[in-house]
């Protein structure tokens, strides 16, 4: 199968004109359709898994939420929102809690380090859950993610 050189609609190799737009087709190979998406080869499990990569998973979350490929996949969008909210928790701990407890002498309980370790552990836990193809809803972040998915109408 080939694609129209103007509109990208599939045309047969023997077609001289595109049935959709009427453009005369050239000879030789034609480019792929202009509407093909770069995430077409990524399955839902892999997309969800990438959303929980420690510290850099927020990039995958934004890509998944912006991609047309996963626009109607509720589970993947839920994981993207939950991963994004988990990254926000990391930022709050790193930018707000750490400076607040930075002036306390080091012989006391390292609250910020314990909280950061907890967030990293949660990322790893979610990676394991996604690798086993198990859905898991984090206590507060899961509710926020559920609301975010419900609010989107396409």
Protein backbone atom coordinates (compact mmCIF):
# COMPACT_ATOMS: atom_id res chain seq x y z
CA UNK A 1 0.00 0.00 0.00
CA UNK A 2 1.06 3.55 -0.72
CA UNK A 3 -0.12 6.88 0.55
CA UNK A 4 -1.34 9.95 -1.28
CA UNK A 5 1.39 12.50 -1.88
CA UNK A 6 -0.91 15.36 -0.84
CA UNK A 7 -3.34 14.21 1.87
CA UNK A 8 -1.72 11.00 3.16
CA UNK A 9 -4.75 8.76 2.53
CA UNK A 10 -3.96 5.15 1.61
CA UNK A 11 -4.05 4.51 -2.14
CA UNK A 12 -3.43 1.32 -4.09
CA UNK A 13 -0.18 1.01 -6.01
CA UNK A 14 -2.11 0.97 -9.31
CA UNK A 15 -4.17 4.10 -8.54
CA UNK A 16 -3.35 7.09 -10.73
CA UNK A 17 -5.46 9.53 -8.67
CA UNK A 18 -6.26 9.69 -4.95
CA UNK A 19 -9.88 8.73 -4.28
CA UNK A 20 -10.03 11.20 -1.37
CA UNK A 21 -8.55 14.43 -2.75
CA UNK A 22 -8.13 13.68 -6.46
CA UNK A 23 -4.43 14.48 -6.62
CA UNK A 24 -2.48 12.69 -9.35
CA UNK A 25 -0.11 10.22 -7.80
CA UNK A 26 3.54 10.08 -8.81
CA UNK A 27 5.52 6.97 -9.53
CA UNK A 28 7.87 5.27 -7.11
CA UNK A 29 7.61 5.14 -3.36
CA UNK A 30 5.52 7.57 -1.43
CA UNK A 31 6.21 8.89 2.04
CA UNK A 32 4.31 7.60 5.06
CA UNK A 33 1.14 9.46 6.00
CA UNK A 34 1.77 12.85 7.59
CA UNK A 35 -0.46 12.00 10.56
CA UNK A 36 1.55 9.00 11.77
CA UNK A 37 2.52 9.41 15.41
CA UNK A 38 5.95 8.74 16.84
CA UNK A 39 4.49 6.71 19.74
CA UNK A 40 2.70 4.24 17.48
CA UNK A 41 5.09 1.43 18.44
CA UNK A 42 4.83 2.00 22.20
CA UNK A 43 2.38 -0.22 24.06
CA UNK A 44 0.33 0.89 27.06
CA UNK A 45 2.41 -1.03 29.60
CA UNK A 46 5.68 0.53 28.43
CA UNK A 47 4.17 4.02 28.44
CA UNK A 48 2.88 3.52 31.99
CA UNK A 49 6.23 2.12 33.10
CA UNK A 50 8.12 5.15 31.75
CA UNK A 51 5.91 7.48 33.79
CA UNK A 52 7.46 6.16 37.01
CA UNK A 53 11.13 6.52 36.14
CA UNK A 54 12.75 8.30 39.10
CA UNK A 55 13.37 12.03 38.60
CA UNK A 56 12.99 11.95 34.76
CA UNK A 57 9.61 10.22 34.49
CA UNK A 58 7.81 13.56 34.38
CA UNK A 59 8.98 13.96 30.78
CA UNK A 60 7.33 10.68 29.82
CA UNK A 61 4.19 11.73 31.70
CA UNK A 62 3.87 14.92 29.69
CA UNK A 63 4.57 13.13 26.40
CA UNK A 64 1.96 10.46 27.19
CA UNK A 65 -0.65 13.05 28.20
CA UNK A 66 -0.02 15.07 25.03
CA UNK A 67 0.01 12.07 22.67
CA UNK A 68 -3.05 11.30 20.61
CA UNK A 69 -2.16 7.61 20.83
CA UNK A 70 -3.13 7.42 24.51
CA UNK A 71 -5.89 10.02 24.48
CA UNK A 72 -8.61 7.40 25.09
CA UNK A 73 -6.58 4.99 27.23
CA UNK A 74 -7.81 5.71 30.74
CA UNK A 75 -5.26 3.48 32.51
CA UNK A 76 -2.23 4.99 30.81
CA UNK A 77 -3.48 8.52 31.44
CA UNK A 78 -4.12 7.63 35.09
CA UNK A 79 -0.53 6.39 35.45
CA UNK A 80 0.79 9.51 33.70
CA UNK A 81 -1.08 11.80 36.08
CA UNK A 82 -0.09 9.74 39.12
CA UNK A 83 3.56 9.76 38.01
CA UNK A 84 3.39 13.51 37.46
CA UNK A 85 1.93 14.09 40.91
CA UNK A 86 4.62 11.88 42.43
CA UNK A 87 7.23 14.09 40.79
CA UNK A 88 5.50 17.15 42.29
CA UNK A 89 5.88 15.52 45.72
CA UNK A 90 9.58 15.08 44.97
CA UNK A 91 9.85 18.78 44.10
CA UNK A 92 8.05 19.82 47.28
CA UNK A 93 10.38 17.70 49.39
CA UNK A 94 13.47 18.90 47.51
CA UNK A 95 12.62 22.61 47.26
CA UNK A 96 10.51 23.24 50.36
CA UNK A 97 11.15 20.62 53.04
CA UNK A 98 14.92 20.31 52.54
CA UNK A 99 15.62 24.03 52.99
CA UNK A 100 13.29 24.17 56.01
CA UNK A 101 15.20 21.41 57.77
CA UNK A 102 18.60 22.48 56.43
CA UNK A 103 19.33 24.78 59.35
CA UNK A 104 18.74 22.07 61.99
CA UNK A 105 21.97 20.46 63.25
CA UNK A 106 22.86 17.19 61.54
CA UNK A 107 22.71 15.07 64.71
CA UNK A 108 18.92 15.30 64.68
CA UNK A 109 16.60 13.19 62.54
CA UNK A 110 17.23 13.87 58.80
CA UNK A 111 13.57 14.44 57.83
CA UNK A 112 14.23 15.64 54.27
CA UNK A 113 16.48 12.69 53.46
CA UNK A 114 13.93 10.23 54.82
CA UNK A 115 11.16 11.84 52.76
CA UNK A 116 13.31 11.77 49.60
CA UNK A 117 14.09 8.13 50.23
CA UNK A 118 10.37 7.48 50.63
CA UNK A 119 9.59 9.09 47.26
CA UNK A 120 12.37 7.10 45.55
CA UNK A 121 11.04 3.92 47.16
CA UNK A 122 7.55 4.78 45.87
CA UNK A 123 8.91 5.25 42.34
CA UNK A 124 10.64 1.87 42.51
CA UNK A 125 7.53 0.24 43.95
CA UNK A 126 5.41 1.63 41.12
CA UNK A 127 7.98 0.49 38.53
CA UNK A 128 7.70 -3.05 39.91
CA UNK A 129 3.90 -2.88 39.87
CA UNK A 130 3.85 -1.64 36.27
CA UNK A 131 6.42 -4.25 35.22
CA UNK A 132 4.11 -6.93 36.65
CA UNK A 133 1.19 -5.28 34.83
CA UNK A 134 -0.64 -4.60 38.11
CA UNK A 135 -2.66 -1.45 38.63
CA UNK A 136 -1.95 0.32 41.90
CA UNK A 137 -3.49 3.49 43.22
CA UNK A 138 -1.38 5.52 45.65
CA UNK A 139 -3.38 6.84 48.62
CA UNK A 140 -3.66 10.58 47.95
CA UNK A 141 -2.00 10.88 44.56
CA UNK A 142 -4.23 8.17 43.10
CA UNK A 143 -7.34 10.14 43.99
CA UNK A 144 -5.90 13.27 42.38
CA UNK A 145 -4.97 11.31 39.26
CA UNK A 146 -8.44 9.77 39.10
CA UNK A 147 -10.04 13.22 39.28
CA UNK A 148 -7.70 14.55 36.59
CA UNK A 149 -8.61 11.70 34.22
CA UNK A 150 -12.32 12.17 34.93
CA UNK A 151 -12.18 15.90 34.22
CA UNK A 152 -10.81 15.42 30.71
CA UNK A 153 -13.41 15.25 27.99
CA UNK A 154 -12.29 14.47 24.47
